[in-house]
Amino acid sequence: MSDRSAAPLTVTELTHQIKTRLESHFPFVNVEGELSNVRPSSTGHLYFTLKDEDASLSAVMFRGRCAGLTFSPEDGQLVTASGSISVYAKRGSYQIIVERMRVAGVGRILATLEDRKQRLAAEGLFDESRKKRLPLLPKRVAVVTSPTGAALRDILQVLGRRHAGIDVTICPTPVQGDQAAPQIAKMIRIAGTHRLGDVIIVGRGGGSIEDLLPFSDEEVVRAVADCEVPVIAAVGHEVDWALVDYAADHRAPTPSAAAEVVSSSREELGLRVMETGRTVVSTFADRMSRASLVLSRFTPEELHRAYDSLAQPILLEFDKVREDLIATMADRARAVRHALELAEKQLESCSPYEVLKRGYAVVRDARGTVLTDASRIDSGTPIQVRLARGRLDATVQETHPDEEL
């Protein structure tokens, strides 16, 4: 429900909202209606109206799409148009931009096929990852087609003309009518299960869209997708299409083209090998020539000078780094030597022998105990006196414990 109190929209704003919603909800539609007011333009575009008893719809088909029409549009024709809805803001009107258009009966068939195509594609039956590579030189090919049709004659004629030496196994089946699809699917399964060929061609000659319907049958499409042998679809002429084209491992525009694909002559392959060999030799020779041209500019003298120009800065830098390292190590050694000398002097100053040199002596009793207190020794006790040089053995004559220094 819109807000009646909201600020009013401009015409442009409202039209933009309508355009956005309408085009996003109808990105692709199929519309059936009667042609009216058909008017081709000088630029090749086609303008017309689609109508029924109660409504009408403006339509345009651009020149590039008109080229694909298989009929001449005229007022009063019942058609099915496929395209997208677009809003023309300048006029405040909407229209359908038609991409494809066929008479109504065919249009219904195409719509059915398009729905089927989308559903099978969603299952992954048309994925490129499922497709198998065709054999390079197949020895035998199985052909699923009408034994009396033009497609088989064209295939046999091409194989005979190219002298491919390929054995052909014909898997006969009707190719149009209500009973054709089950028989085509059955023959594909037989050819695949029993390996009747290294590759299977499934196809027929040209015809109307109704004639080609068996090759768009879901059972046939699934049989092609599930086949373990590579399958080539060759249905109708180049402009024709069927759903087996999407499920097959390879699509040929015609049965003759399918025969050419499987019968690449040995002579043709030999020519390819020779041409590839010539290309390899030519490329190698060209590279050798360019390499020789580059190397010719480098004589031994030039190489020596080039080496010197590269090496000299590095050698100079090496010498500088070496000299810096030697100077640093010499400074470090001098500093360590000076520190050792200071430590040695400090150690000597703390030595008791240095004190003895100044006239002092170390006195010990008979047990070697250093005597520091006269009151702890008696008269007549033998003692040892250590001088700066030598030792005296003596006996205490008198003690004076209370005498101060």
Foldseek 3Di string as FASTA:
>chain_A
DDDPPDDDDDLVVVLVVVQVVQQVVFQKDKDKFFWAPWDADPQQKIWTWGDDDPDIATEIEDNVQVVPDPDDDDGGFIKIFMATKGADSVVRGIHGYGNDMDGHVVSVVVVVLVVVLVVVVVVVLLPLVLFDDQDPQWQEEEEEEAPPAPLVVLLVVLCVVLVLNHHYHYQHAYQFDPPGLVSSLVSLQVCQVVVRILEYEYEGEADDPRSRASQQDPSNLVSQSPRPHAYEYAYYAQPDDHSNCSNGNYYDRHSNRVSCNNRVDPVNVVVVVVVVVVVVVVVVVVVVVVVVVVCVVDDVVNVVVVVCVVVVVVVVVVVVVVVVVVVVVVVVVVVVVVVVVVVVVVVVVPDVLVVLVVPAWFKAFPVRHTDDALVVDQFQGWMWIGHNDDIDIDTHHHTDRVDDD
